[in-house]
C-alpha atoms as a PDB file:
ATOM      1  CA  UNK A   1      85.751  87.864 120.844  1.00  0.00           C
ATOM      2  CA  UNK A   2      88.331  86.014 122.925  1.00  0.00           C
ATOM      3  CA  UNK A   3      91.305  88.244 123.608  1.00  0.00           C
ATOM      4  CA  UNK A   4      94.419  88.143 125.713  1.00  0.00           C
ATOM      5  CA  UNK A   5      95.729  91.336 127.256  1.00  0.00           C
ATOM      6  CA  UNK A   6      99.376  91.878 128.104  1.00  0.00           C
ATOM      7  CA  UNK A   7     101.768  94.720 128.755  1.00  0.00           C
ATOM      8  CA  UNK A   8     104.334  94.639 125.981  1.00  0.00           C
ATOM      9  CA  UNK A   9     107.046  96.623 124.256  1.00  0.00           C
ATOM     10  CA  UNK A  10     105.382  98.678 121.509  1.00  0.00           C
ATOM     11  CA  UNK A  11     108.468  98.389 119.269  1.00  0.00           C
ATOM     12  CA  UNK A  12     107.211  95.258 117.482  1.00  0.00           C
ATOM     13  CA  UNK A  13     106.406  95.337 113.749  1.00  0.00           C
ATOM     14  CA  UNK A  14     102.733  94.349 114.043  1.00  0.00           C
ATOM     15  CA  UNK A  15     102.182  96.808 116.885  1.00  0.00           C
ATOM     16  CA  UNK A  16     103.934  99.590 115.005  1.00  0.00           C
ATOM     17  CA  UNK A  17     101.565  98.848 112.094  1.00  0.00           C
ATOM     18  CA  UNK A  18      98.555  99.298 114.410  1.00  0.00           C
ATOM     19  CA  UNK A  19      99.998 102.540 115.770  1.00  0.00           C
ATOM     20  CA  UNK A  20     100.510 103.788 112.214  1.00  0.00           C
ATOM     21  CA  UNK A  21      96.882 102.915 111.374  1.00  0.00           C
ATOM     22  CA  UNK A  22      95.777 105.089 114.287  1.00  0.00           C
ATOM     23  CA  UNK A  23      98.079 107.885 113.158  1.00  0.00           C
ATOM     24  CA  UNK A  24      96.652 107.790 109.626  1.00  0.00           C
ATOM     25  CA  UNK A  25      93.123 107.958 111.013  1.00  0.00           C
ATOM     26  CA  UNK A  26      94.001 110.936 113.232  1.00  0.00           C
ATOM     27  CA  UNK A  27      95.745 112.664 110.314  1.00  0.00           C
ATOM     28  CA  UNK A  28      92.566 112.265 108.258  1.00  0.00           C
ATOM     29  CA  UNK A  29      90.645 114.247 110.892  1.00  0.00           C
ATOM     30  CA  UNK A  30      93.067 116.816 112.294  1.00  0.00           C
ATOM     31  CA  UNK A  31      96.022 119.009 111.310  1.00  0.00           C
ATOM     32  CA  UNK A  32      99.462 117.920 112.604  1.00  0.00           C
ATOM     33  CA  UNK A  33      99.561 120.592 115.315  1.00  0.00           C
ATOM     34  CA  UNK A  34      96.367 119.140 116.831  1.00  0.00           C
ATOM     35  CA  UNK A  35      97.584 115.534 116.912  1.00  0.00           C
ATOM     36  CA  UNK A  36      98.953 114.804 120.373  1.00  0.00           C
ATOM     37  CA  UNK A  37      99.979 111.173 119.951  1.00  0.00           C
ATOM     38  CA  UNK A  38     103.020 109.949 121.822  1.00  0.00           C
ATOM     39  CA  UNK A  39     105.746 108.761 119.443  1.00  0.00           C
ATOM     40  CA  UNK A  40     107.147 105.252 119.748  1.00  0.00           C
ATOM     41  CA  UNK A  41     110.145 106.326 121.852  1.00  0.00           C
ATOM     42  CA  UNK A  42     107.864 108.047 124.368  1.00  0.00           C
ATOM     43  CA  UNK A  43     105.651 104.942 124.565  1.00  0.00           C
ATOM     44  CA  UNK A  44     108.731 103.092 125.857  1.00  0.00           C
ATOM     45  CA  UNK A  45     109.413 105.583 128.673  1.00  0.00           C
ATOM     46  CA  UNK A  46     109.620 104.234 132.244  1.00  0.00           C
ATOM     47  CA  UNK A  47     106.361 105.894 133.355  1.00  0.00           C
ATOM     48  CA  UNK A  48     104.330 104.445 130.438  1.00  0.00           C
ATOM     49  CA  UNK A  49     102.490 101.123 130.533  1.00  0.00           C
ATOM     50  CA  UNK A  50     101.699  99.877 127.015  1.00  0.00           C
ATOM     51  CA  UNK A  51      98.894  97.319 126.651  1.00  0.00           C
ATOM     52  CA  UNK A  52      98.250  95.024 123.694  1.00  0.00           C
ATOM     53  CA  UNK A  53      95.114  92.978 123.016  1.00  0.00           C
ATOM     54  CA  UNK A  54      95.655  89.830 120.967  1.00  0.00           C
ATOM     55  CA  UNK A  55      93.001  87.639 119.388  1.00  0.00           C
ATOM     56  CA  UNK A  56      92.800  83.845 119.701  1.00  0.00           C
ATOM     57  CA  UNK A  57      95.353  83.490 116.878  1.00  0.00           C
ATOM     58  CA  UNK A  58      97.811  85.757 118.706  1.00  0.00           C
ATOM     59  CA  UNK A  59      97.404  88.722 116.358  1.00  0.00           C
ATOM     60  CA  UNK A  60      97.560  92.196 117.904  1.00  0.00           C
ATOM     61  CA  UNK A  61      94.126  93.793 117.449  1.00  0.00           C
ATOM     62  CA  UNK A  62      94.260  96.737 119.849  1.00  0.00           C
ATOM     63  CA  UNK A  63      96.698  98.954 121.691  1.00  0.00           C
ATOM     64  CA  UNK A  64      96.548 101.582 124.389  1.00  0.00           C
ATOM     65  CA  UNK A  65      98.796 103.012 127.055  1.00  0.00           C
ATOM     66  CA  UNK A  66      98.746 104.976 130.242  1.00  0.00           C
ATOM     67  CA  UNK A  67     101.361 107.511 131.224  1.00  0.00           C
ATOM     68  CA  UNK A  68     101.473 107.632 135.020  1.00  0.00           C
ATOM     69  CA  UNK A  69     102.073 110.976 136.747  1.00  0.00           C
ATOM     70  CA  UNK A  70     101.754 110.228 140.445  1.00  0.00           C
ATOM     71  CA  UNK A  71      98.125 110.509 141.504  1.00  0.00           C
ATOM     72  CA  UNK A  72      96.801 110.695 137.937  1.00  0.00           C
ATOM     73  CA  UNK A  73      97.413 108.927 134.644  1.00  0.00           C
ATOM     74  CA  UNK A  74      96.747 109.797 131.027  1.00  0.00           C
ATOM     75  CA  UNK A  75      95.253 107.405 128.491  1.00  0.00           C
ATOM     76  CA  UNK A  76      97.230 107.463 125.226  1.00  0.00           C
ATOM     77  CA  UNK A  77      97.240 105.769 121.821  1.00  0.00           C
ATOM     78  CA  UNK A  78      94.029 103.738 122.159  1.00  0.00           C
ATOM     79  CA  UNK A  79      93.371 102.050 118.854  1.00  0.00           C
ATOM     80  CA  UNK A  80      91.265  99.011 117.954  1.00  0.00           C
ATOM     81  CA  UNK A  81      91.671  97.423 114.541  1.00  0.00           C
ATOM     82  CA  UNK A  82      88.463  97.752 112.484  1.00  0.00           C
ATOM     83  CA  UNK A  83      87.879  93.985 112.405  1.00  0.00           C
ATOM     84  CA  UNK A  84      87.896  93.852 116.224  1.00  0.00           C
ATOM     85  CA  UNK A  85      85.474  96.715 116.826  1.00  0.00           C
ATOM     86  CA  UNK A  86      82.058  96.145 118.340  1.00  0.00           C
ATOM     87  CA  UNK A  87      83.240  92.992 120.122  1.00  0.00           C
ATOM     88  CA  UNK A  88      84.090  94.324 123.575  1.00  0.00           C
ATOM     89  CA  UNK A  89      87.813  94.741 122.920  1.00  0.00           C
ATOM     90  CA  UNK A  90      87.905  98.471 123.700  1.00  0.00           C
ATOM     91  CA  UNK A  91      86.010  97.950 126.950  1.00  0.00           C
ATOM     92  CA  UNK A  92      88.421  95.183 128.019  1.00  0.00           C
ATOM     93  CA  UNK A  93      91.463  97.303 127.176  1.00  0.00           C
ATOM     94  CA  UNK A  94      90.124 100.327 129.039  1.00  0.00           C
ATOM     95  CA  UNK A  95      89.187  98.234 132.100  1.00  0.00           C
ATOM     96  CA  UNK A  96      92.692  96.724 132.220  1.00  0.00           C
ATOM     97  CA  UNK A  97      94.308 100.155 131.979  1.00  0.00           C
ATOM     98  CA  UNK A  98      92.038 101.600 134.651  1.00  0.00           C
ATOM     99  CA  UNK A  99      93.024  98.708 136.956  1.00  0.00           C
ATOM    100  CA  UNK A 100      96.705  99.278 136.198  1.00  0.00           C
ATOM    101  CA  UNK A 101      96.378 103.012 136.868  1.00  0.00           C
ATOM    102  CA  UNK A 102      94.734 102.275 140.239  1.00  0.00           C
ATOM    103  CA  UNK A 103      97.503  99.782 141.041  1.00  0.00           C
ATOM    104  CA  UNK A 104     100.066 102.497 140.251  1.00  0.00           C
ATOM    105  CA  UNK A 105      98.363 104.900 142.674  1.00  0.00           C
ATOM    106  CA  UNK A 106      96.410 107.055 140.220  1.00  0.00           C
ATOM    107  CA  UNK A 107      93.103 108.425 141.476  1.00  0.00           C
ATOM    108  CA  UNK A 108      92.062 109.836 138.094  1.00  0.00           C
ATOM    109  CA  UNK A 109      92.468 108.857 134.458  1.00  0.00           C
ATOM    110  CA  UNK A 110      92.548 111.680 131.934  1.00  0.00           C
ATOM    111  CA  UNK A 111      92.638 111.864 128.173  1.00  0.00           C
ATOM    112  CA  UNK A 112      92.680 114.179 125.198  1.00  0.00           C
ATOM    113  CA  UNK A 113      90.832 113.388 122.004  1.00  0.00           C
ATOM    114  CA  UNK A 114      89.459 115.416 119.142  1.00  0.00           C
ATOM    115  CA  UNK A 115      86.071 116.944 118.454  1.00  0.00           C
ATOM    116  CA  UNK A 116      85.621 114.971 115.212  1.00  0.00           C
ATOM    117  CA  UNK A 117      86.233 111.554 116.739  1.00  0.00           C
ATOM    118  CA  UNK A 118      82.568 110.958 117.550  1.00  0.00           C
ATOM    119  CA  UNK A 119      82.933 107.220 118.188  1.00  0.00           C
ATOM    120  CA  UNK A 120      85.713 107.784 120.725  1.00  0.00           C
ATOM    121  CA  UNK A 121      83.830 110.588 122.471  1.00  0.00           C
ATOM    122  CA  UNK A 122      80.717 108.423 122.792  1.00  0.00           C
ATOM    123  CA  UNK A 123      82.770 105.446 124.014  1.00  0.00           C
ATOM    124  CA  UNK A 124      84.553 107.476 126.692  1.00  0.00           C
ATOM    125  CA  UNK A 125      81.316 109.096 127.856  1.00  0.00           C
ATOM    126  CA  UNK A 126      79.660 105.655 128.156  1.00  0.00           C
ATOM    127  CA  UNK A 127      82.706 104.517 130.152  1.00  0.00           C
ATOM    128  CA  UNK A 128      82.173 107.295 132.707  1.00  0.00           C
ATOM    129  CA  UNK A 129      84.545 109.995 131.477  1.00  0.00           C
ATOM    130  CA  UNK A 130      83.411 113.585 131.830  1.00  0.00           C
ATOM    131  CA  UNK A 131      84.662 116.651 129.994  1.00  0.00           C
ATOM    132  CA  UNK A 132      87.100 118.869 131.828  1.00  0.00           C
ATOM    133  CA  UNK A 133      89.564 121.666 131.184  1.00  0.00           C
ATOM    134  CA  UNK A 134      93.212 121.507 130.214  1.00  0.00           C
ATOM    135  CA  UNK A 135      95.612 119.283 132.120  1.00  0.00           C
ATOM    136  CA  UNK A 136      99.301 118.443 132.006  1.00  0.00           C
ATOM    137  CA  UNK A 137     101.298 120.237 129.329  1.00  0.00           C
ATOM    138  CA  UNK A 138      98.416 120.718 126.901  1.00  0.00           C
ATOM    139  CA  UNK A 139      97.812 124.134 125.409  1.00  0.00           C
ATOM    140  CA  UNK A 140      94.387 125.477 124.437  1.00  0.00           C
ATOM    141  CA  UNK A 141      93.228 123.957 121.141  1.00  0.00           C
ATOM    142  CA  UNK A 142      89.653 124.325 119.859  1.00  0.00           C
ATOM    143  CA  UNK A 143      89.947 120.857 118.280  1.00  0.00           C
ATOM    144  CA  UNK A 144      90.791 119.113 121.575  1.00  0.00           C
ATOM    145  CA  UNK A 145      88.368 117.600 124.074  1.00  0.00           C
ATOM    146  CA  UNK A 146      89.768 116.871 127.532  1.00  0.00           C
ATOM    147  CA  UNK A 147      88.136 114.236 129.707  1.00  0.00           C
ATOM    148  CA  UNK A 148      88.580 112.699 133.145  1.00  0.00           C
ATOM    149  CA  UNK A 149      87.332 109.699 135.076  1.00  0.00           C
ATOM    150  CA  UNK A 150      87.762 109.205 138.812  1.00  0.00           C
ATOM    151  CA  UNK A 151      89.319 105.876 139.777  1.00  0.00           C
ATOM    152  CA  UNK A 152      88.298 105.702 143.448  1.00  0.00           C
END
């Protein structure tokens, strides 16, 4: 699938719709207190880089962001529309965000996902992420899985 990747403002109607799709999916798996998705306002913060993948027709088909915290960054809000899955979009998005994190000086990329999101866990493990303990401001949650990938 031919895609174009660009860093954009997430406050666009079609991107908000994709974010809401991801929120509905997460809500179908986990209780609200175990959903750690950044809200739209936080996705527009100065330390966040928000990436959009668009198909050949210019439609947004995937989103993801990194929040940069000095020598590490956190992957947030990765979502690929169902019609774009299995076509290399997620791999392209992740590679672009890893490159951006390196460019910003991060030596590690971390993430939090849930125990029931088997597709995401398998994807991140294939991409070289390994399970780790808590990081950042997270609190212990038996539903959360924390992962890290070195960016050296």
